[in-house]
Amino acid sequence: MADKETGKTPETTFQEAVQEKNDYEVCKYSDVPDAPPKWLWKPYIPFGMVTIVQGMPGSGKSTFLADIIACVTNGKTLPDGTRLPERMNAVYQCSEAGGPGVVKQMLQNAHADLNAVSFVQGDFVSLCDGRIQRLIEETNAKILVVDPMQEYLESSMFQAQSSRKEITNVSLLAEKTGCAIVLIGHFTKAQNKEELYQGMGSGDIVGLARSVLHVRRLSRTSRIRYVSQVKCSAAAEAGDYAFEIVNFGEARWIGPVDDSDMKEIDEEEKSKRQGRQEAAISDLRGLLRLGDMDASEALRQMQMKGHSESTVRLAKKAAGVESRKCSDGKWVWSLK
């Protein structure tokens, strides 16, 4: 059927296009200069490319990245034992609750060099905002962490065409600056999807990333987390790495693990947790055996013995300790 304006049929238009000459150049891959990928942490986080880190809220994504930033800014050893050749600068762009103060505390706990970590402050900053590129270039940052990425997209994560365009521009930014760009995202509530597509948003988002990492909890009550790679388009995928959250932002790396290791770690963690609780129950009963005690003082003395507040609360319930409010408004703990 002919076009109403030009009168041409699709076949005619195609033939005209075929007959055009000198409008393209034939290249051979043998003539392309070798450009092997460069790595911040091989094969998990490449330089000059986009990495996506996903997980449920509270899974330890930010702690994981805070530890990596600490390694980068101090030129320390990465979780697999690789020593970074030099100290490097970083950008951590975060919009989570609490703002820069919370991020600062997290990075401090991770022992990062705060003088080497920057961010853009002000009105909305999108992933394609020119200020991001200028900051990377001005600070010579080698890693940019965006936490969470959905807060820095101008369009909806679920609109494939627009989100694809934005992530493509971010990929070009990574390539141009040589910076490792890491986008943090959340899992969807529906976990019956294929592993690679469990993150929020269009599948085009993970499709454009070179590396996709998942951070998961070992169990609901455990401090152990593990990082698994579900995609790598620049090298062979690698195994899982486990770490323990010692403090907000501070990780203690356990090392590479497989399924049997994770089961053993889980059993060991449960045993340690039970031992800590039994010790707390014994100490709390000993403390209150002589009589009632001011609740805040009892908690202080238990913490001086090395028990965390959460452990004390659990021990209080297990030991049968009652809370009672006095006439002066203070609370006391007593054994039943």
Protein backbone atom coordinates (compact mmCIF):
# COMPACT_ATOMS: atom_id res chain seq x y z
CA MET A 1 0.00 0.00 0.00
CA ALA A 2 1.45 3.35 -1.09
CA ASP A 3 2.12 6.18 1.36
CA LYS A 4 -0.48 8.95 0.94
CA GLU A 5 2.10 11.77 1.03
CA THR A 6 4.97 10.30 -1.02
CA GLY A 7 3.06 7.80 -3.13
CA LYS A 8 5.80 5.26 -2.46
CA THR A 9 5.22 1.67 -1.44
CA PRO A 10 7.32 0.07 1.34
CA GLU A 11 9.10 -1.99 -1.34
CA THR A 12 10.08 1.17 -3.24
CA THR A 13 11.36 2.88 -0.08
CA PHE A 14 13.40 -0.22 0.81
CA GLN A 15 14.96 -0.45 -2.65
CA GLU A 16 15.93 3.24 -2.56
CA ALA A 17 17.61 2.71 0.81
CA VAL A 18 19.51 -0.28 -0.52
CA GLN A 19 20.75 1.72 -3.52
CA GLU A 20 22.22 4.50 -1.34
CA LYS A 21 26.02 4.43 -1.43
CA ASN A 22 28.82 5.69 0.83
CA ASP A 23 26.48 6.24 3.79
CA TYR A 24 28.16 3.72 6.12
CA GLU A 25 31.51 2.18 6.86
CA VAL A 26 32.24 -1.53 7.08
CA CYS A 27 34.39 -2.35 10.11
CA LYS A 28 36.07 -5.55 11.25
CA TYR A 29 36.34 -6.51 14.89
CA SER A 30 39.96 -7.43 14.24
CA ASP A 31 40.63 -3.70 13.74
CA VAL A 32 39.02 -2.66 17.04
CA PRO A 33 41.65 -1.82 19.71
CA ASP A 34 41.73 -4.19 22.67
CA ALA A 35 39.90 -2.69 25.65
CA PRO A 36 39.53 -5.28 28.40
CA PRO A 37 37.24 -4.27 31.28
CA LYS A 38 38.81 -2.56 34.28
CA TRP A 39 37.65 -3.59 37.70
CA LEU A 40 37.14 -2.05 41.09
CA TRP A 41 36.31 -5.52 42.41
CA LYS A 42 36.41 -8.29 39.79
CA PRO A 43 33.89 -9.52 38.67
CA TYR A 44 31.42 -7.76 40.95
CA ILE A 45 31.96 -4.02 40.33
CA PRO A 46 33.50 -2.85 37.02
CA PHE A 47 34.89 0.60 36.32
CA GLY A 48 33.20 2.54 33.51
CA MET A 49 30.01 0.46 33.73
CA VAL A 50 26.77 0.24 35.71
CA THR A 51 26.30 -2.19 38.60
CA ILE A 52 22.93 -2.68 40.27
CA VAL A 53 22.70 -3.85 43.90
CA GLN A 54 19.25 -5.07 44.97
CA GLY A 55 17.68 -6.52 48.09
CA MET A 56 14.85 -6.21 50.59
CA PRO A 57 14.81 -3.22 52.97
CA GLY A 58 17.20 -3.96 55.84
CA SER A 59 19.10 -6.60 53.89
CA GLY A 60 22.42 -4.75 54.26
CA LYS A 61 22.81 -3.14 50.83
CA SER A 62 23.97 0.21 52.21
CA THR A 63 26.31 -1.43 54.72
CA PHE A 64 27.84 -3.47 51.90
CA LEU A 65 28.47 -0.36 49.80
CA ALA A 66 29.70 1.67 52.78
CA ASP A 67 32.35 -0.99 53.36
CA ILE A 68 33.37 -0.92 49.69
CA ILE A 69 33.65 2.89 49.87
CA ALA A 70 35.81 2.52 52.99
CA CYS A 71 38.10 0.18 51.06
CA VAL A 72 38.23 2.57 48.10
CA THR A 73 38.90 5.76 50.09
CA ASN A 74 41.56 4.13 52.27
CA GLY A 75 43.18 1.96 49.58
CA LYS A 76 42.46 -1.11 51.69
CA THR A 77 41.97 -4.79 50.90
CA LEU A 78 38.72 -5.87 49.24
CA PRO A 79 36.68 -8.80 50.61
CA ASP A 80 38.48 -11.33 48.39
CA GLY A 81 41.92 -10.16 49.54
CA THR A 82 42.67 -7.96 46.52
CA ARG A 83 44.64 -4.90 47.54
CA LEU A 84 43.58 -1.66 45.87
CA PRO A 85 46.60 0.07 44.32
CA GLU A 86 45.78 3.51 45.72
CA ARG A 87 43.29 5.62 47.63
CA MET A 88 40.41 6.84 45.47
CA ASN A 89 37.56 9.32 45.83
CA ALA A 90 33.87 8.42 45.92
CA VAL A 91 30.42 9.99 45.56
CA TYR A 92 27.54 8.74 47.71
CA GLN A 93 24.25 10.29 46.58
CA CYS A 94 21.53 9.29 49.04
CA SER A 95 17.95 10.43 49.62
CA GLU A 96 17.05 8.00 52.42
CA ALA A 97 15.46 9.25 55.65
CA GLY A 98 17.84 11.13 57.91
CA GLY A 99 19.79 12.77 55.12
CA PRO A 100 23.54 13.45 55.09
CA GLY A 101 23.85 13.04 58.86
CA VAL A 102 22.79 9.39 58.75
CA VAL A 103 25.04 8.68 55.76
CA LYS A 104 27.96 10.34 57.56
CA GLN A 105 27.42 8.11 60.62
CA MET A 106 27.25 5.02 58.42
CA LEU A 107 30.46 5.90 56.59
CA GLN A 108 32.18 6.75 59.88
CA ASN A 109 31.26 3.35 61.29
CA ALA A 110 32.66 1.76 58.13
CA HIS A 111 35.92 3.74 58.72
CA ALA A 112 35.71 5.49 55.36
CA ASP A 113 37.77 8.63 54.72
CA LEU A 114 34.99 11.25 54.84
CA ASN A 115 37.20 13.83 53.11
CA ALA A 116 37.20 11.55 50.06
CA VAL A 117 33.41 11.12 49.82
CA SER A 118 31.25 13.84 48.21
CA PHE A 119 27.60 14.42 47.29
CA VAL A 120 25.44 17.01 45.54
CA GLN A 121 23.19 18.94 47.93
CA GLY A 122 20.20 20.94 46.83
CA ASP A 123 17.03 20.41 44.83
CA PHE A 124 16.18 17.23 42.94
CA VAL A 125 19.18 15.59 41.31
CA SER A 126 18.40 13.04 38.61
CA LEU A 127 20.73 10.38 37.28
CA CYS A 128 21.09 12.45 34.12
CA ASP A 129 21.71 15.75 35.94
CA GLY A 130 24.82 17.46 34.61
CA ARG A 131 25.90 18.24 38.19
CA ILE A 132 26.54 14.54 38.79
CA GLN A 133 29.00 14.37 35.89
CA ARG A 134 30.71 17.59 36.96
CA LEU A 135 31.10 16.30 40.52
CA ILE A 136 32.62 13.02 39.31
CA GLU A 137 35.07 14.92 37.11
CA GLU A 138 35.91 17.62 39.68
CA THR A 139 36.59 15.11 42.48
CA ASN A 140 38.04 12.41 40.18
CA ALA A 141 35.64 9.96 41.85
CA LYS A 142 36.11 6.31 40.92
CA ILE A 143 32.82 5.08 42.35
CA LEU A 144 29.36 6.69 42.46
CA VAL A 145 26.70 5.09 44.66
CA VAL A 146 23.08 6.17 44.13
CA ASP A 147 20.81 5.15 47.04
CA PRO A 148 18.06 4.35 46.11
CA MET A 149 18.00 4.70 42.35
CA GLN A 150 14.22 5.19 42.07
CA GLU A 151 14.54 8.53 43.85
CA TYR A 152 16.87 9.79 41.12
CA LEU A 153 14.86 8.78 38.05
CA GLU A 154 12.89 11.49 36.29
CA SER A 155 10.39 8.91 35.03
CA SER A 156 8.73 5.86 36.53
CA MET A 157 10.89 2.75 36.94
CA PHE A 158 8.00 0.77 35.48
CA GLN A 159 7.93 2.69 32.17
CA ALA A 160 10.27 0.62 30.05
CA GLN A 161 11.01 3.13 27.29
CA SER A 162 11.76 6.14 29.51
CA SER A 163 13.66 4.23 32.22
CA ARG A 164 15.71 2.45 29.54
CA LYS A 165 16.69 5.82 28.08
CA GLU A 166 17.79 7.11 31.49
CA ILE A 167 19.82 4.01 32.37
CA THR A 168 21.40 4.13 28.90
CA ASN A 169 22.50 7.72 29.61
CA VAL A 170 23.92 6.59 32.96
CA SER A 171 25.85 3.84 31.15
CA LEU A 172 27.28 6.47 28.80
CA LEU A 173 28.23 8.59 31.82
CA ALA A 174 30.06 5.64 33.38
CA GLU A 175 31.87 4.95 30.09
CA LYS A 176 32.83 8.61 29.62
CA THR A 177 34.16 9.15 33.16
CA GLY A 178 35.51 5.66 33.82
CA CYS A 179 33.62 5.73 37.12
CA ALA A 180 32.05 2.61 38.62
CA ILE A 181 28.38 3.58 38.96
CA VAL A 182 26.41 1.54 41.49
CA LEU A 183 22.63 1.88 41.66
CA ILE A 184 20.87 0.55 44.77
CA GLY A 185 17.34 -0.81 44.34
CA HIS A 186 14.72 -2.79 46.26
CA PHE A 187 13.12 -6.15 45.57
CA THR A 188 9.45 -6.34 44.73
CA LYS A 189 7.12 -8.00 47.23
CA ALA A 190 6.43 -10.77 44.71
CA GLN A 191 9.43 -13.08 44.90
CA ASN A 192 8.16 -15.69 42.43
CA LYS A 193 9.93 -14.02 39.51
CA GLU A 194 13.12 -15.25 37.90
CA GLU A 195 16.01 -14.22 40.15
CA LEU A 196 17.39 -11.57 37.80
CA TYR A 197 14.03 -9.78 37.60
CA GLN A 198 13.13 -9.67 41.31
CA GLY A 199 14.02 -5.99 41.56
CA MET A 200 11.53 -3.14 41.29
CA GLY A 201 10.93 -1.57 37.92
CA SER A 202 11.19 -2.52 34.27
CA GLY A 203 13.30 -5.51 33.29
CA ASP A 204 15.16 -3.16 30.94
CA ILE A 205 16.92 -1.66 33.96
CA VAL A 206 18.80 -4.83 34.90
CA GLY A 207 19.11 -5.62 31.21
CA LEU A 208 21.34 -2.58 30.72
CA ALA A 209 23.51 -3.18 33.81
CA ARG A 210 26.78 -5.05 33.37
CA SER A 211 26.68 -6.53 36.86
CA VAL A 212 23.68 -7.27 39.10
CA LEU A 213 24.24 -8.17 42.75
CA HIS A 214 21.69 -9.32 45.33
CA VAL A 215 22.15 -8.80 49.05
CA ARG A 216 20.12 -11.12 51.29
CA ARG A 217 19.73 -11.94 54.97
CA LEU A 218 20.75 -15.39 56.15
CA SER A 219 17.63 -15.47 58.31
CA ARG A 220 15.22 -12.95 59.82
CA THR A 221 17.07 -12.66 63.15
CA SER A 222 20.61 -13.13 61.86
CA ARG A 223 23.26 -10.45 61.45
CA ILE A 224 24.78 -12.47 58.60
CA ARG A 225 24.21 -11.25 55.04
CA TYR A 226 25.50 -12.54 51.74
CA VAL A 227 26.16 -11.00 48.34
CA SER A 228 25.38 -13.07 45.26
CA GLN A 229 25.96 -12.19 41.62
CA VAL A 230 23.02 -12.93 39.34
CA LYS A 231 24.40 -11.28 36.21
CA CYS A 232 27.79 -10.32 34.82
CA SER A 233 28.18 -9.25 31.20
CA ALA A 234 31.88 -8.44 31.40
CA ALA A 235 33.38 -11.60 32.94
CA ALA A 236 32.43 -15.00 34.30
CA GLU A 237 30.05 -14.79 37.27
CA ALA A 238 31.55 -15.44 40.69
CA GLY A 239 30.35 -17.05 43.90
CA ASP A 240 28.66 -15.66 46.99
CA TYR A 241 30.38 -13.67 49.73
CA ALA A 242 29.08 -13.53 53.29
CA PHE A 243 29.50 -10.72 55.81
CA GLU A 244 28.29 -9.91 59.31
CA ILE A 245 26.80 -6.53 60.17
CA VAL A 246 28.85 -5.49 63.19
CA ASN A 247 27.40 -1.99 63.37
CA PHE A 248 25.36 0.33 61.18
CA GLY A 249 27.57 0.64 58.11
CA GLU A 250 30.29 -1.65 59.47
CA ALA A 251 30.76 -5.10 57.95
CA ARG A 252 32.99 -8.02 58.96
CA TRP A 253 33.64 -10.17 55.92
CA ILE A 254 33.37 -13.92 56.42
CA GLY A 255 34.49 -14.81 52.90
CA PRO A 256 33.31 -16.88 49.93
CA VAL A 257 30.52 -19.32 50.79
CA ASP A 258 28.33 -22.00 49.23
CA ASP A 259 25.02 -23.51 50.35
CA SER A 260 26.62 -25.91 52.83
CA ASP A 261 28.71 -23.09 54.32
CA MET A 262 25.60 -20.94 54.75
CA LYS A 263 23.77 -23.73 56.58
CA GLU A 264 26.74 -24.23 58.89
CA ILE A 265 27.03 -20.49 59.54
CA ASP A 266 23.30 -20.34 60.29
CA GLU A 267 23.56 -23.14 62.86
CA GLU A 268 26.61 -21.51 64.44
CA GLU A 269 24.82 -18.15 64.58
CA LYS A 270 21.79 -19.74 66.26
CA SER A 271 24.04 -21.44 68.82
CA LYS A 272 25.86 -18.20 69.62
CA ARG A 273 22.59 -16.30 69.91
CA GLN A 274 21.20 -18.91 72.31
CA GLY A 275 24.39 -18.80 74.38
CA ARG A 276 24.24 -15.00 74.60
CA GLN A 277 20.63 -15.10 75.72
CA GLU A 278 21.27 -17.78 78.36
CA ALA A 279 24.17 -15.72 79.76
CA ALA A 280 21.97 -12.60 79.82
CA ILE A 281 19.18 -14.44 81.66
CA SER A 282 21.64 -15.63 84.29
CA ASP A 283 23.19 -12.16 84.74
CA LEU A 284 19.79 -10.45 84.92
CA ARG A 285 18.47 -12.86 87.54
CA GLY A 286 21.64 -12.37 89.58
CA LEU A 287 21.24 -8.62 89.36
CA LEU A 288 17.63 -8.65 90.59
CA ARG A 289 17.95 -11.41 93.15
CA LEU A 290 18.58 -8.91 95.95
CA GLY A 291 15.51 -6.84 95.13
CA ASP A 292 13.87 -4.40 92.74
CA MET A 293 16.07 -2.15 90.59
CA ASP A 294 15.51 1.00 88.60
CA ALA A 295 14.91 -0.13 84.99
CA SER A 296 17.40 2.26 83.37
CA GLU A 297 20.08 1.31 85.93
CA ALA A 298 19.46 -2.40 85.38
CA LEU A 299 19.78 -1.95 81.63
CA ARG A 300 22.98 0.10 82.08
CA GLN A 301 24.59 -2.57 84.27
CA MET A 302 23.61 -5.33 81.83
CA GLN A 303 25.17 -3.38 78.97
CA MET A 304 28.34 -2.95 81.04
CA LYS A 305 28.45 -6.76 81.20
CA GLY A 306 28.51 -6.83 77.41
CA HIS A 307 24.85 -7.52 76.63
CA SER A 308 23.08 -5.57 73.88
CA GLU A 309 19.78 -3.86 74.63
CA SER A 310 17.88 -6.25 72.34
CA THR A 311 19.42 -9.27 74.12
CA VAL A 312 18.48 -7.79 77.51
CA ARG A 313 14.88 -7.26 76.40
CA LEU A 314 14.60 -10.88 75.28
CA ALA A 315 16.29 -12.10 78.48
CA LYS A 316 13.93 -9.98 80.58
CA LYS A 317 10.93 -11.76 79.09
CA ALA A 318 12.49 -15.23 79.34
CA ALA A 319 13.62 -14.66 82.95
CA GLY A 320 10.12 -13.66 84.06
CA VAL A 321 11.10 -10.09 84.99
CA GLU A 322 8.22 -7.69 85.63
CA SER A 323 8.18 -3.95 84.91
CA ARG A 324 6.38 -1.82 87.48
CA LYS A 325 5.76 1.94 87.51
CA CYS A 326 6.33 3.63 90.87
CA SER A 327 4.47 6.60 92.30
CA ASP A 328 7.34 8.92 91.32
CA GLY A 329 6.86 7.91 87.68
CA LYS A 330 10.01 5.76 87.45
CA TRP A 331 9.99 2.16 86.26
CA VAL A 332 11.56 -0.69 88.20
CA TRP A 333 12.32 -4.30 87.28
CA SER A 334 11.66 -7.15 89.66
CA LEU A 335 11.68 -10.94 89.59
CA LYS A 336 8.26 -12.59 89.73
